[in-house]
Amino acid sequence: MSKRRTRPPPIPPRWIIRLFWKGHRALYRITRGRSGLWHPAPGRWGTMRLTTIGRRTGRPRSVILAYFHDGPDLVALAMNGWGAPEPAWWLNLQATPVATAQLADGRRAVRAREALGEERDRLWGRWRELEQHIDAHAARRPNETAVVVLEPVESSAEGRT
């Protein structure tokens, strides 16, 4: 009996990933937000535009991220195209956890925190249901990928983002 070696799923070169990201952001900007964001559906994640406050500049910084709902919360992964460095948006949230999430159906103020322990395991399992190769991709990173929970905040906090 021969043992088959399983290889990690291929990842496109970094320049292709960056080109896709730039194209996605351009589509969002050109259509003034009418295209480029979608709701999660059964078996599929959605996309949101998250605006944080730059930890060095103090200026708004936006990024488009995959997410799913966990009750009223939004859940994203702090990944940088499966590269080693932490994404800037996650570093910004660690400095200033209040942000704005633009979803396909509207905007909401959120407060970010990292899921830990059993909560992280449960939410990682939900990502695993949406992305079958997530464990193999995450194994490429030297550090554990943070699972970020974006909790809704009262409307009085919206003016701060």
Protein backbone atom coordinates (compact mmCIF):
# COMPACT_ATOMS: atom_id res chain seq x y z
CA MET A 1 0.00 0.00 0.00
CA SER A 2 1.45 3.36 -0.97
CA LYS A 3 1.06 6.39 1.23
CA ARG A 4 0.10 9.53 -0.60
CA ARG A 5 1.76 12.70 0.55
CA THR A 6 -0.58 15.57 0.90
CA ARG A 7 0.76 18.89 -0.20
CA PRO A 8 -0.56 22.19 1.05
CA PRO A 9 -2.92 23.83 -1.41
CA PRO A 10 -1.19 26.20 -3.79
CA ILE A 11 -1.24 29.92 -3.11
CA PRO A 12 -0.90 32.36 -5.99
CA PRO A 13 2.20 34.54 -6.04
CA ARG A 14 2.03 37.61 -3.79
CA TRP A 15 1.77 39.97 -6.79
CA ILE A 16 -1.42 38.25 -7.97
CA ILE A 17 -2.97 38.50 -4.51
CA ARG A 18 -2.07 42.20 -4.29
CA LEU A 19 -3.41 42.83 -7.81
CA PHE A 20 -6.73 41.19 -6.84
CA TRP A 21 -6.94 43.29 -3.65
CA LYS A 22 -6.30 46.50 -5.60
CA GLY A 23 -8.88 45.52 -8.21
CA HIS A 24 -11.47 44.75 -5.55
CA ARG A 25 -10.92 48.10 -3.83
CA ALA A 26 -11.05 49.89 -7.19
CA LEU A 27 -14.38 48.21 -8.02
CA TYR A 28 -15.76 49.36 -4.67
CA ARG A 29 -14.56 52.95 -5.22
CA ILE A 30 -15.63 53.21 -8.87
CA THR A 31 -19.14 51.97 -8.10
CA ARG A 32 -19.28 54.15 -4.95
CA GLY A 33 -19.92 51.10 -2.81
CA ARG A 34 -22.72 49.62 -4.95
CA SER A 35 -20.50 46.66 -5.83
CA GLY A 36 -17.72 44.86 -4.00
CA LEU A 37 -19.46 44.03 -0.72
CA TRP A 38 -21.75 41.07 -0.15
CA HIS A 39 -23.54 39.33 2.69
CA PRO A 40 -22.41 35.96 4.02
CA ALA A 41 -24.61 33.10 2.87
CA PRO A 42 -24.78 29.47 3.95
CA GLY A 43 -21.37 27.98 3.16
CA ARG A 44 -19.93 31.33 2.03
CA TRP A 45 -18.32 34.31 3.76
CA GLY A 46 -19.25 37.90 3.02
CA THR A 47 -17.14 41.00 2.53
CA MET A 48 -17.09 44.27 4.47
CA ARG A 49 -15.11 47.48 4.33
CA LEU A 50 -13.48 48.10 7.69
CA THR A 51 -12.23 51.59 8.51
CA THR A 52 -9.73 51.87 11.35
CA ILE A 53 -7.67 54.75 12.70
CA GLY A 54 -4.03 54.55 11.66
CA ARG A 55 -1.84 53.91 14.71
CA ARG A 56 0.92 56.19 13.41
CA THR A 57 -0.95 58.77 11.35
CA GLY A 58 -4.26 59.05 13.20
CA ARG A 59 -5.98 59.09 9.80
CA PRO A 60 -8.76 56.73 8.65
CA ARG A 61 -7.52 53.57 6.91
CA SER A 62 -9.87 51.23 5.04
CA VAL A 63 -9.57 47.63 3.95
CA ILE A 64 -11.98 45.07 2.49
CA LEU A 65 -12.19 41.87 4.55
CA ALA A 66 -13.98 38.55 4.55
CA TYR A 67 -16.32 37.99 7.51
CA PHE A 68 -19.24 36.02 8.84
CA HIS A 69 -21.87 36.74 11.49
CA ASP A 70 -21.75 35.22 14.96
CA GLY A 71 -24.96 36.53 16.45
CA PRO A 72 -24.67 40.34 16.37
CA ASP A 73 -20.88 40.18 16.00
CA LEU A 74 -18.78 40.14 12.83
CA VAL A 75 -15.85 37.71 12.71
CA ALA A 76 -12.74 38.20 10.55
CA LEU A 77 -9.26 36.68 10.37
CA ALA A 78 -6.16 38.83 10.91
CA MET A 79 -4.21 37.51 7.95
CA ASN A 80 -2.01 39.23 5.46
CA GLY A 81 -2.51 37.07 2.40
CA TRP A 82 -1.17 34.21 4.52
CA GLY A 83 2.12 36.09 4.78
CA ALA A 84 4.05 36.27 8.05
CA PRO A 85 3.48 39.90 9.09
CA GLU A 86 0.34 40.92 10.92
CA PRO A 87 -1.97 43.03 8.72
CA ALA A 88 -1.87 46.79 9.34
CA TRP A 89 -5.61 46.91 10.04
CA TRP A 90 -5.19 44.48 12.95
CA LEU A 91 -2.27 46.47 14.37
CA ASN A 92 -4.41 49.61 14.05
CA LEU A 93 -7.28 47.93 15.92
CA GLN A 94 -4.95 46.83 18.70
CA ALA A 95 -4.01 50.51 19.17
CA THR A 96 -7.57 51.87 18.73
CA PRO A 97 -10.23 49.13 18.89
CA VAL A 98 -13.19 51.29 17.78
CA ALA A 99 -13.78 51.18 14.01
CA THR A 100 -16.51 51.37 11.37
CA ALA A 101 -17.72 48.37 9.38
CA GLN A 102 -19.46 49.07 6.07
CA LEU A 103 -21.59 46.06 5.13
CA ALA A 104 -23.63 45.54 1.97
CA ASP A 105 -26.69 46.87 3.81
CA GLY A 106 -25.22 49.71 5.86
CA ARG A 107 -22.61 50.98 8.26
CA ARG A 108 -22.09 50.16 11.93
CA ALA A 109 -19.68 51.16 14.65
CA VAL A 110 -17.75 48.22 16.09
CA ARG A 111 -15.22 47.47 18.82
CA ALA A 112 -12.57 44.87 18.05
CA ARG A 113 -11.15 42.17 20.28
CA GLU A 114 -9.26 38.94 19.74
CA ALA A 115 -11.14 35.69 20.33
CA LEU A 116 -9.24 33.42 22.71
CA GLY A 117 -9.52 29.88 24.07
CA GLU A 118 -12.75 27.99 23.44
CA GLU A 119 -14.32 30.94 21.63
CA ARG A 120 -11.39 31.04 19.19
CA ASP A 121 -11.62 27.29 18.61
CA ARG A 122 -15.36 27.54 17.94
CA LEU A 123 -14.99 30.47 15.53
CA TRP A 124 -12.00 28.85 13.78
CA GLY A 125 -14.22 25.81 13.26
CA ARG A 126 -16.80 28.05 11.59
CA TRP A 127 -14.08 29.42 9.26
CA ARG A 128 -13.06 25.84 8.53
CA GLU A 129 -16.62 25.16 7.31
CA LEU A 130 -16.32 28.09 4.88
CA GLU A 131 -12.72 27.51 3.72
CA GLN A 132 -11.68 23.87 3.46
CA HIS A 133 -7.92 24.64 3.22
CA ILE A 134 -7.76 27.17 6.04
CA ASP A 135 -5.62 24.98 8.32
CA ALA A 136 -3.07 24.30 5.59
CA HIS A 137 -2.89 27.98 4.68
CA ALA A 138 -2.59 29.04 8.32
CA ALA A 139 0.26 26.56 8.80
CA ARG A 140 2.31 28.70 6.39
CA ARG A 141 2.35 31.53 8.94
CA PRO A 142 4.91 31.46 11.75
CA ASN A 143 2.37 32.82 14.27
CA GLU A 144 -1.18 31.81 15.06
CA THR A 145 -3.73 33.73 12.99
CA ALA A 146 -5.84 35.95 15.22
CA VAL A 147 -9.61 35.54 15.03
CA VAL A 148 -11.01 39.07 15.35
CA VAL A 149 -14.47 39.68 16.80
CA LEU A 150 -16.08 43.01 15.90
CA GLU A 151 -18.81 43.74 18.42
CA PRO A 152 -21.43 46.42 17.74
CA VAL A 153 -21.18 49.57 19.85
CA GLU A 154 -23.81 52.14 20.73
CA SER A 155 -24.51 54.82 18.17
CA SER A 156 -22.98 57.49 20.46
CA ALA A 157 -19.55 55.93 19.74
CA GLU A 158 -19.99 56.21 15.95
CA GLY A 159 -18.82 59.81 15.91
CA ARG A 160 -15.38 58.73 17.16
CA THR A 161 -14.47 56.73 14.03
